[in-house]
Amino acid sequence: MTNNKPVKIVETVLRDGPQSLTATRMRTSDMIPVLEQLDNVGYHALEAWGGATFDACLRFLDEDPWERLRTVKSHLKNTPIQMLLRGQNILGYNHYSDDVVREFVHRSVDNGVSIIRIFDALNDTRNLEASMRAAKEAGAHVQGAIVYTISPYHKAEDFLHLGEELVQMGADSICIKDMAGLLSPYAAEELVRTLKSKIDLPIDLHTHFTSGMGDMTYLKAIEAGVDIVDTALSPFSCSTSQPCTESLVATLKGHERDTGIDFDGLHDLADYFRQVKTNLANEFHLNTNIPIDPKVLTFQIPGGMLSNLLNQMKEMGTADKYEEMLAEMPKVRADLGYPPLVTPTSQIVGSMAVLNVALGRYKMIPKEVKDLIAGKYGRTPGPIDPELQKLAIGDVQPIDHRPADDIAPQLEEMKDRLAKAGYPNATIEDVLSYALFPDVAITYFNNHRK
């Protein structure tokens, strides 16, 4: 079945672009002057919330993330706001109770989100149940995400089974989420065709330019019938971000799948964001010239994470073992059942590799690694190495049920804690901010809510 409909574009210049290239440091005030202009481009959606934006607003920008969402929404009359949600992790780094997940999703929709892309680091759909159900209840468009990676347990047919499961769970569209730029052009063509053969929902492809293949990957996916792609306006595109919006619009101009977006109309927006990027780089002392790195195809480590691991090794005085660490990463990943490398599994595997080369293999095993082996993050795609399992958790049997079933309701407890901290009349949004990031939220409240 050929798809000759116009390709739809999700613009990431307000979220993943700045998260990838300027450490999520873009302020709401940087966005406001061009929101109406962005709204009139004809995008399918503007990705403007979720991911690391919530944490960064509170921690680095002295902003209320909920206020950002309401402000952005107030300027957009035509274009839906899309957000990225980490399933049971919401926007944090560990699992939360179902009542917190449900409340967070409902408040997100009430404050302006229309499309929620929901993923789990292990592709364990049990970790998506609560958030997908809540998003359906709240009336959002639910986009179920397939986290793309390469391993013996991640073939096109495996991804198809996952996609079919997401359809049964009520997804309104499916996203192929390629967070490290690992999806090659012909693999993208095969994957899109495989999904399209059995799934009758819109397919959205999200990639990063880290390996340098992004444009080619999008083109082959478009030829295979993908419905939507994620791009960023040129100043916030390429390297570790998404392929460039203007380039894609120009590529498809006059083609049967022409996006319908006015190419010349994007230039003013690009000029504006070029200045924003320069200002952010100067103010926060950021290196925004991040080169593409095809080595990611071997090590599967997203660019930003490599620099973090090198810093970790410098602090431990083992920076000379950096190459060893790169070689150790794939081995640790195999031992741990081939998890895709995305937050939080990328940090877990990376830290374990660093400790292995610094102290000897599995001489010290962090709590997060033990929890992953014990099933507390969910099901790993492949089996855990039995010797490592014995070493990490002894004879304890890993759990085989949904991890969140072990988490008691937390919402009322969070309200009580916040009241004890001096905020008895906190809004539900403030309670949720506190539930996810207690320390940074309290610091923000002390500065703004007294």
Protein backbone atom coordinates (compact mmCIF):
# COMPACT_ATOMS: atom_id res chain seq x y z
CA MET A 1 0.00 0.00 0.00
CA THR A 2 1.56 3.29 -1.08
CA ASN A 3 1.19 6.43 0.98
CA ASN A 4 0.90 9.54 -1.19
CA LYS A 5 -0.39 11.87 1.52
CA PRO A 6 1.70 14.91 2.52
CA VAL A 7 4.39 14.13 5.09
CA LYS A 8 3.49 15.72 8.44
CA ILE A 9 6.16 17.37 10.57
CA VAL A 10 6.57 17.56 14.33
CA GLU A 11 8.80 20.59 15.05
CA THR A 12 11.20 19.99 17.96
CA VAL A 13 12.84 23.45 18.20
CA LEU A 14 11.11 24.09 21.54
CA ARG A 15 12.08 20.80 23.23
CA ASP A 16 14.36 18.11 21.81
CA GLY A 17 16.41 20.53 19.68
CA PRO A 18 17.52 22.64 22.65
CA GLN A 19 17.70 19.56 24.90
CA SER A 20 20.13 17.94 22.46
CA LEU A 21 22.30 20.97 21.63
CA THR A 22 22.02 23.45 24.51
CA ALA A 23 21.43 21.19 27.55
CA THR A 24 17.71 22.16 27.72
CA ARG A 25 18.59 25.74 28.62
CA MET A 26 16.05 27.53 26.39
CA ARG A 27 13.77 29.83 28.40
CA THR A 28 10.06 30.46 27.90
CA SER A 29 10.92 34.10 27.19
CA ASP A 30 13.09 32.87 24.26
CA MET A 31 10.02 31.16 22.78
CA ILE A 32 7.25 33.73 23.23
CA PRO A 33 8.25 36.19 20.44
CA VAL A 34 7.81 33.56 17.69
CA LEU A 35 5.07 31.28 19.01
CA GLU A 36 2.36 32.80 16.79
CA GLN A 37 4.68 32.51 13.80
CA LEU A 38 5.41 28.83 14.60
CA ASP A 39 1.68 28.28 15.03
CA ASN A 40 1.02 29.42 11.45
CA VAL A 41 3.64 27.25 9.70
CA GLY A 42 1.35 24.24 9.30
CA TYR A 43 3.15 21.78 11.53
CA HIS A 44 1.42 18.59 12.67
CA ALA A 45 2.52 19.43 16.25
CA LEU A 46 5.02 21.46 18.25
CA GLU A 47 6.97 19.33 20.70
CA ALA A 48 7.28 21.78 23.57
CA TRP A 49 7.15 19.92 26.89
CA GLY A 50 8.25 16.77 28.71
CA GLY A 51 11.61 15.05 28.37
CA ALA A 52 14.18 16.99 30.40
CA THR A 53 12.35 20.35 30.17
CA PHE A 54 10.49 19.87 33.46
CA ASP A 55 13.63 19.24 35.51
CA ALA A 56 15.63 21.94 33.67
CA CYS A 57 12.96 24.62 34.23
CA LEU A 58 13.07 24.15 38.00
CA ARG A 59 16.76 23.30 38.37
CA PHE A 60 18.53 25.66 35.98
CA LEU A 61 16.13 28.31 34.69
CA ASP A 62 14.19 29.30 37.83
CA GLU A 63 10.94 28.67 35.93
CA ASP A 64 7.73 26.83 36.71
CA PRO A 65 7.32 24.14 34.00
CA TRP A 66 3.52 24.23 34.36
CA GLU A 67 3.55 28.00 33.81
CA ARG A 68 5.64 27.44 30.65
CA LEU A 69 3.07 24.98 29.35
CA ARG A 70 0.16 27.37 29.97
CA THR A 71 2.04 30.29 28.40
CA VAL A 72 2.96 28.37 25.25
CA LYS A 73 -0.60 27.07 24.95
CA SER A 74 -2.04 30.59 25.20
CA HIS A 75 -0.13 31.61 22.03
CA LEU A 76 -1.05 28.55 19.93
CA LYS A 77 -4.44 28.57 18.21
CA ASN A 78 -3.85 25.99 15.44
CA THR A 79 -1.03 23.64 16.41
CA PRO A 80 -1.24 20.95 19.11
CA ILE A 81 1.42 20.79 21.85
CA GLN A 82 3.15 17.43 22.04
CA MET A 83 5.06 16.14 25.08
CA LEU A 84 7.40 13.21 25.81
CA LEU A 85 6.56 11.03 28.83
CA ARG A 86 8.66 8.19 30.25
CA GLY A 87 5.73 5.92 31.14
CA GLN A 88 5.80 4.91 34.80
CA ASN A 89 8.88 7.16 35.27
CA ILE A 90 6.77 10.20 34.21
CA LEU A 91 9.59 12.76 33.74
CA GLY A 92 11.82 11.53 36.57
CA TYR A 93 14.34 8.73 36.87
CA ASN A 94 12.45 6.04 38.82
CA HIS A 95 8.97 4.54 38.87
CA TYR A 96 6.11 6.42 40.55
CA SER A 97 2.81 5.11 41.89
CA ASP A 98 -0.21 4.82 39.58
CA ASP A 99 -2.09 7.64 41.32
CA VAL A 100 0.80 10.06 40.71
CA VAL A 101 1.08 8.94 37.06
CA ARG A 102 -2.66 9.40 36.50
CA GLU A 103 -2.79 12.82 38.14
CA PHE A 104 0.29 14.02 36.25
CA VAL A 105 -1.13 12.99 32.88
CA HIS A 106 -4.52 14.59 33.59
CA ARG A 107 -2.93 17.86 34.73
CA SER A 108 -0.66 17.90 31.65
CA VAL A 109 -3.69 17.68 29.37
CA ASP A 110 -5.67 20.25 31.42
CA ASN A 111 -2.77 22.70 31.17
CA GLY A 112 -2.39 22.43 27.39
CA VAL A 113 -0.89 19.15 26.11
CA SER A 114 -2.78 17.47 23.23
CA ILE A 115 -0.44 14.68 22.11
CA ILE A 116 1.50 12.50 24.56
CA ARG A 117 4.32 10.30 23.28
CA ILE A 118 4.81 7.58 25.88
CA PHE A 119 7.83 5.25 26.03
CA ASP A 120 9.54 2.82 28.37
CA ALA A 121 13.31 2.35 28.39
CA LEU A 122 12.99 -1.45 28.23
CA ASN A 123 9.99 -1.49 25.84
CA ASP A 124 8.12 -3.26 28.67
CA THR A 125 4.50 -2.39 27.89
CA ARG A 126 3.46 -3.10 31.49
CA ASN A 127 5.27 0.15 32.36
CA LEU A 128 3.04 2.01 29.86
CA GLU A 129 -0.35 0.74 31.08
CA ALA A 130 -1.10 3.41 33.71
CA SER A 131 0.03 6.40 31.63
CA MET A 132 -1.67 5.26 28.40
CA ARG A 133 -4.91 4.61 30.26
CA ALA A 134 -4.75 8.02 31.95
CA ALA A 135 -4.00 9.79 28.66
CA LYS A 136 -7.02 8.13 27.01
CA GLU A 137 -9.21 9.16 29.98
CA ALA A 138 -7.96 12.74 29.73
CA GLY A 139 -8.81 12.93 26.02
CA ALA A 140 -5.25 13.22 24.69
CA HIS A 141 -3.93 11.68 21.49
CA VAL A 142 -1.84 8.75 22.76
CA GLN A 143 1.31 7.97 20.80
CA GLY A 144 2.83 4.66 21.86
CA ALA A 145 6.58 4.59 21.32
CA ILE A 146 8.85 1.77 20.20
CA VAL A 147 12.35 2.46 21.52
CA TYR A 148 14.66 1.50 18.64
CA THR A 149 17.95 -0.24 19.25
CA ILE A 150 20.13 -2.94 17.67
CA SER A 151 20.67 -6.34 19.28
CA PRO A 152 19.90 -10.04 18.70
CA TYR A 153 16.53 -9.35 20.39
CA HIS A 154 15.55 -6.32 18.31
CA LYS A 155 14.58 -7.38 14.77
CA ALA A 156 11.80 -5.83 12.64
CA GLU A 157 9.42 -8.64 13.67
CA ASP A 158 10.11 -7.98 17.39
CA PHE A 159 9.24 -4.32 16.87
CA LEU A 160 6.06 -5.32 14.99
CA HIS A 161 4.88 -7.45 17.97
CA LEU A 162 5.54 -4.47 20.23
CA GLY A 163 3.64 -2.15 17.88
CA GLU A 164 0.66 -4.53 17.78
CA GLU A 165 0.65 -4.63 21.59
CA LEU A 166 0.59 -0.80 21.70
CA VAL A 167 -2.38 -0.81 19.29
CA GLN A 168 -4.27 -3.22 21.59
CA MET A 169 -3.50 -0.89 24.52
CA GLY A 170 -5.30 1.96 22.74
CA ALA A 171 -2.52 3.88 20.99
CA ASP A 172 -3.76 6.45 18.44
CA SER A 173 -0.42 6.47 16.59
CA ILE A 174 2.94 4.70 16.84
CA CYS A 175 6.36 6.34 17.13
CA ILE A 176 9.65 4.71 16.22
CA LYS A 177 11.91 6.44 18.74
CA ASP A 178 15.55 6.28 17.62
CA MET A 179 17.25 8.25 20.38
CA ALA A 180 20.85 7.55 19.39
CA GLY A 181 20.68 7.81 15.59
CA LEU A 182 21.19 4.05 15.13
CA LEU A 183 18.46 3.49 12.52
CA SER A 184 20.07 3.15 9.09
CA PRO A 185 18.18 4.11 5.91
CA TYR A 186 17.44 0.60 4.63
CA ALA A 187 16.63 -0.69 8.12
CA ALA A 188 14.15 2.22 8.43
CA GLU A 189 12.57 1.29 5.10
CA GLU A 190 12.18 -2.35 6.21
CA LEU A 191 10.86 -1.39 9.67
CA VAL A 192 8.27 1.08 8.34
CA ARG A 193 7.07 -1.42 5.71
CA THR A 194 6.85 -4.17 8.37
CA LEU A 195 4.82 -1.99 10.73
CA LYS A 196 2.59 -0.67 7.91
CA SER A 197 1.84 -4.24 6.75
CA LYS A 198 -0.09 -4.98 9.95
CA ILE A 199 -0.76 -1.67 11.72
CA ASP A 200 -3.36 0.72 10.42
CA LEU A 201 -2.35 3.75 12.50
CA PRO A 202 -0.17 6.76 11.63
CA ILE A 203 3.55 5.98 12.05
CA ASP A 204 5.86 8.75 13.29
CA LEU A 205 9.65 8.44 12.99
CA HIS A 206 11.92 10.26 15.45
CA THR A 207 15.69 10.09 14.97
CA HIS A 208 18.83 11.98 15.96
CA PHE A 209 21.57 13.02 13.55
CA THR A 210 24.31 11.64 15.84
CA SER A 211 25.60 9.08 13.31
CA GLY A 212 25.13 11.38 10.29
CA MET A 213 22.42 9.21 8.67
CA GLY A 214 19.28 11.13 9.69
CA ASP A 215 18.32 12.68 6.34
CA MET A 216 18.83 9.44 4.43
CA THR A 217 16.90 7.51 7.08
CA TYR A 218 13.95 9.91 6.80
CA LEU A 219 13.93 9.76 3.01
CA LYS A 220 13.85 5.95 2.90
CA ALA A 221 11.16 5.92 5.62
CA ILE A 222 9.08 8.43 3.62
CA GLU A 223 9.42 6.26 0.52
CA ALA A 224 8.22 3.32 2.64
CA GLY A 225 5.12 5.28 3.70
CA VAL A 226 5.91 6.81 7.10
CA ASP A 227 3.27 9.42 7.97
CA ILE A 228 5.09 11.83 10.30
CA VAL A 229 8.73 12.78 10.96
CA ASP A 230 10.31 14.90 13.70
CA THR A 231 12.61 17.73 12.57
CA ALA A 232 14.18 20.85 14.08
CA LEU A 233 14.68 24.30 12.54
CA SER A 234 18.26 24.58 11.27
CA PRO A 235 20.00 26.31 14.24
CA PHE A 236 18.80 23.53 16.55
CA SER A 237 19.12 20.66 14.07
CA CYS A 238 21.63 17.96 13.15
CA SER A 239 24.62 16.76 15.21
CA THR A 240 22.93 15.18 18.27
CA SER A 241 19.52 16.74 17.44
CA GLN A 242 16.95 15.94 14.72
CA PRO A 243 17.41 16.40 10.95
CA CYS A 244 16.73 19.92 9.65
CA THR A 245 13.17 21.12 9.00
CA GLU A 246 13.99 23.44 6.08
CA SER A 247 16.06 20.80 4.29
CA LEU A 248 13.27 18.23 4.50
CA VAL A 249 10.65 20.74 3.33
CA ALA A 250 12.89 21.62 0.35
CA THR A 251 13.59 17.93 -0.42
CA LEU A 252 9.88 17.11 -0.77
CA LYS A 253 8.87 20.32 -2.60
CA GLY A 254 6.91 19.41 -5.74
CA HIS A 255 6.91 15.72 -4.80
CA GLU A 256 3.60 13.90 -4.25
CA ARG A 257 4.38 13.85 -0.52
CA ASP A 258 5.19 17.61 -0.37
CA THR A 259 4.77 18.81 3.23
CA GLY A 260 2.82 21.87 2.06
CA ILE A 261 4.98 24.05 4.33
CA ASP A 262 6.32 27.29 2.81
CA PHE A 263 10.13 26.93 2.64
CA ASP A 264 10.84 30.69 2.48
CA GLY A 265 8.53 31.28 5.44
CA LEU A 266 10.91 29.32 7.69
CA HIS A 267 13.91 31.63 7.17
CA ASP A 268 12.85 34.33 9.65
CA LEU A 269 12.23 31.69 12.30
CA ALA A 270 15.65 30.14 11.67
CA ASP A 271 17.33 33.57 11.93
CA TYR A 272 15.55 34.20 15.23
CA PHE A 273 16.57 30.86 16.76
CA ARG A 274 20.16 31.26 15.51
CA GLN A 275 20.44 34.33 17.75
CA VAL A 276 18.76 32.51 20.66
CA LYS A 277 21.28 29.68 20.35
CA THR A 278 24.22 32.11 20.32
CA ASN A 279 22.87 33.86 23.42
CA LEU A 280 22.37 30.58 25.30
CA ALA A 281 25.85 29.33 24.39
CA ASN A 282 27.39 32.56 25.70
CA GLU A 283 25.30 32.78 28.87
CA PHE A 284 25.67 29.14 29.95
CA HIS A 285 29.18 28.56 28.49
CA LEU A 286 27.95 25.75 26.24
CA ASN A 287 29.75 24.08 23.37
CA THR A 288 27.03 23.88 20.72
CA ASN A 289 29.35 22.67 17.94
CA ILE A 290 28.92 18.99 18.71
CA PRO A 291 30.35 16.93 15.83
CA ILE A 292 28.51 13.93 14.38
CA ASP A 293 30.05 10.67 15.60
CA PRO A 294 29.46 7.52 13.51
CA LYS A 295 31.19 5.54 16.30
CA VAL A 296 27.77 5.63 18.00
CA LEU A 297 26.85 2.78 15.62
CA THR A 298 29.44 0.58 17.33
CA PHE A 299 29.02 1.65 20.95
CA GLN A 300 25.35 2.76 20.82
CA ILE A 301 26.11 5.51 23.33
CA PRO A 302 24.39 8.85 22.59
CA GLY A 303 26.89 11.73 22.27
CA GLY A 304 25.90 13.64 25.41
CA MET A 305 26.37 10.51 27.48
CA LEU A 306 29.93 9.95 26.26
CA SER A 307 31.03 13.29 27.69
CA ASN A 308 29.32 12.46 31.02
CA LEU A 309 31.11 9.11 31.24
CA LEU A 310 34.46 10.74 30.44
CA ASN A 311 33.87 13.27 33.23
CA GLN A 312 33.00 10.42 35.60
CA MET A 313 36.30 8.72 34.70
CA LYS A 314 38.29 11.93 35.15
CA GLU A 315 36.86 12.30 38.67
CA MET A 316 37.91 8.72 39.45
CA GLY A 317 41.36 9.30 37.95
CA THR A 318 40.80 6.60 35.30
CA ALA A 319 40.41 8.76 32.17
CA ASP A 320 43.30 6.82 30.58
CA LYS A 321 40.96 3.78 30.44
CA TYR A 322 38.36 5.57 28.28
CA GLU A 323 38.89 3.29 25.25
CA GLU A 324 38.60 0.26 27.52
CA MET A 325 35.30 1.65 28.84
CA LEU A 326 33.96 2.03 25.27
CA ALA A 327 34.82 -1.61 24.59
CA GLU A 328 33.27 -2.67 27.92
CA MET A 329 29.89 -0.97 27.29
CA PRO A 330 28.56 -3.52 24.75
CA LYS A 331 29.71 -6.39 27.00
CA VAL A 332 27.86 -4.98 30.04
CA ARG A 333 24.79 -4.38 27.88
CA ALA A 334 24.84 -8.02 26.74
CA ASP A 335 25.29 -9.24 30.35
CA LEU A 336 22.26 -7.14 31.37
CA GLY A 337 19.94 -8.53 28.68
CA TYR A 338 20.46 -5.95 25.90
CA PRO A 339 18.43 -3.00 27.24
CA PRO A 340 18.03 -0.10 24.79
CA LEU A 341 20.33 2.72 25.91
CA VAL A 342 17.99 5.55 26.88
CA THR A 343 17.27 7.20 30.25
CA PRO A 344 17.64 5.57 32.77
CA THR A 345 19.16 2.35 31.33
CA SER A 346 21.91 4.24 29.46
CA GLN A 347 23.16 5.70 32.76
CA ILE A 348 22.94 2.30 34.51
CA VAL A 349 24.93 0.45 31.82
CA GLY A 350 27.41 3.32 31.43
CA SER A 351 28.20 3.61 35.13
CA MET A 352 28.66 -0.17 35.39
CA ALA A 353 31.13 -0.12 32.49
CA VAL A 354 33.09 2.70 34.16
CA LEU A 355 33.29 0.78 37.46
CA ASN A 356 34.30 -2.43 35.66
CA VAL A 357 37.34 -0.85 34.01
CA ALA A 358 38.26 1.14 37.12
CA LEU A 359 37.91 -1.60 39.77
CA GLY A 360 37.71 -4.90 37.91
CA ARG A 361 34.69 -6.62 36.37
CA TYR A 362 31.68 -6.55 38.72
CA LYS A 363 33.83 -6.00 41.81
CA MET A 364 31.33 -3.33 42.83
CA ILE A 365 27.70 -3.46 41.64
CA PRO A 366 25.58 -0.31 42.18
CA LYS A 367 22.02 -0.52 43.54
CA GLU A 368 20.52 0.49 40.17
CA VAL A 369 22.21 -2.46 38.44
CA LYS A 370 20.95 -4.84 41.14
CA ASP A 371 17.43 -3.39 40.74
CA LEU A 372 17.57 -3.86 36.96
CA ILE A 373 18.65 -7.49 37.45
CA ALA A 374 15.91 -7.98 40.08
CA GLY A 375 13.24 -6.91 37.55
CA LYS A 376 12.39 -3.64 39.30
CA TYR A 377 12.67 -1.66 36.06
CA GLY A 378 10.72 -4.27 34.08
CA ARG A 379 11.51 -7.08 31.67
CA THR A 380 14.85 -6.92 29.83
CA PRO A 381 14.69 -7.83 26.11
CA GLY A 382 17.14 -10.72 26.52
CA PRO A 383 18.16 -12.93 29.46
CA ILE A 384 20.48 -11.61 32.19
CA ASP A 385 23.83 -13.42 32.44
CA PRO A 386 23.25 -16.09 35.17
CA GLU A 387 26.65 -15.63 36.84
CA LEU A 388 26.15 -11.86 37.07
CA GLN A 389 22.64 -12.41 38.47
CA LYS A 390 24.01 -14.72 41.17
CA LEU A 391 26.74 -12.22 42.02
CA ALA A 392 24.33 -9.26 42.19
CA ILE A 393 21.23 -10.63 43.94
CA GLY A 394 22.23 -14.12 45.12
CA ASP A 395 19.34 -16.58 45.22
CA VAL A 396 16.63 -13.90 45.24
CA GLN A 397 14.15 -14.52 42.43
CA PRO A 398 13.63 -11.50 40.10
CA ILE A 399 10.04 -10.23 40.10
CA ASP A 400 7.94 -11.20 37.10
CA HIS A 401 4.98 -8.87 37.69
CA ARG A 402 4.48 -5.19 36.77
CA PRO A 403 7.02 -3.28 38.92
CA ALA A 404 4.54 -0.51 39.83
CA ASP A 405 2.27 -3.08 41.51
CA ASP A 406 4.74 -2.91 44.42
CA ILE A 407 4.44 0.88 44.81
CA ALA A 408 1.80 2.10 47.26
CA PRO A 409 -0.16 5.28 46.39
CA GLN A 410 2.04 8.36 46.89
CA LEU A 411 -0.09 11.41 46.10
CA GLU A 412 -1.57 12.06 49.55
CA GLU A 413 1.81 11.45 51.17
CA MET A 414 3.36 14.07 48.85
CA LYS A 415 0.66 16.59 49.81
CA ASP A 416 1.37 15.93 53.52
CA ARG A 417 5.12 16.29 53.06
CA LEU A 418 4.70 19.54 51.18
CA ALA A 419 2.37 20.85 53.89
CA LYS A 420 5.00 19.99 56.53
CA ALA A 421 7.58 21.86 54.44
CA GLY A 422 5.41 24.99 54.75
CA TYR A 423 3.07 24.71 51.78
CA PRO A 424 -0.29 23.43 53.08
CA ASN A 425 -2.27 25.08 50.26
CA ALA A 426 -0.07 23.96 47.38
CA THR A 427 -1.76 23.54 43.99
CA ILE A 428 -1.94 20.01 42.61
CA GLU A 429 0.65 21.04 39.98
CA ASP A 430 3.06 22.08 42.75
CA VAL A 431 2.45 18.77 44.53
CA LEU A 432 3.37 16.93 41.31
CA SER A 433 6.50 19.04 40.80
CA TYR A 434 7.48 18.12 44.35
CA ALA A 435 6.71 14.42 43.81
CA LEU A 436 9.07 14.28 40.83
CA PHE A 437 11.90 16.56 42.00
CA PRO A 438 11.47 17.26 45.74
CA ASP A 439 14.70 19.17 46.39
CA VAL A 440 14.68 21.44 43.35
CA ALA A 441 10.93 22.04 43.70
CA ILE A 442 11.30 23.18 47.33
CA THR A 443 14.12 25.53 46.34
CA TYR A 444 11.90 26.99 43.61
CA PHE A 445 8.90 27.33 45.96
CA ASN A 446 11.04 29.05 48.61
CA ASN A 447 12.02 31.64 46.00
CA HIS A 448 8.57 32.13 44.48
CA ARG A 449 5.75 30.91 46.75
CA LYS A 450 6.55 32.64 50.07
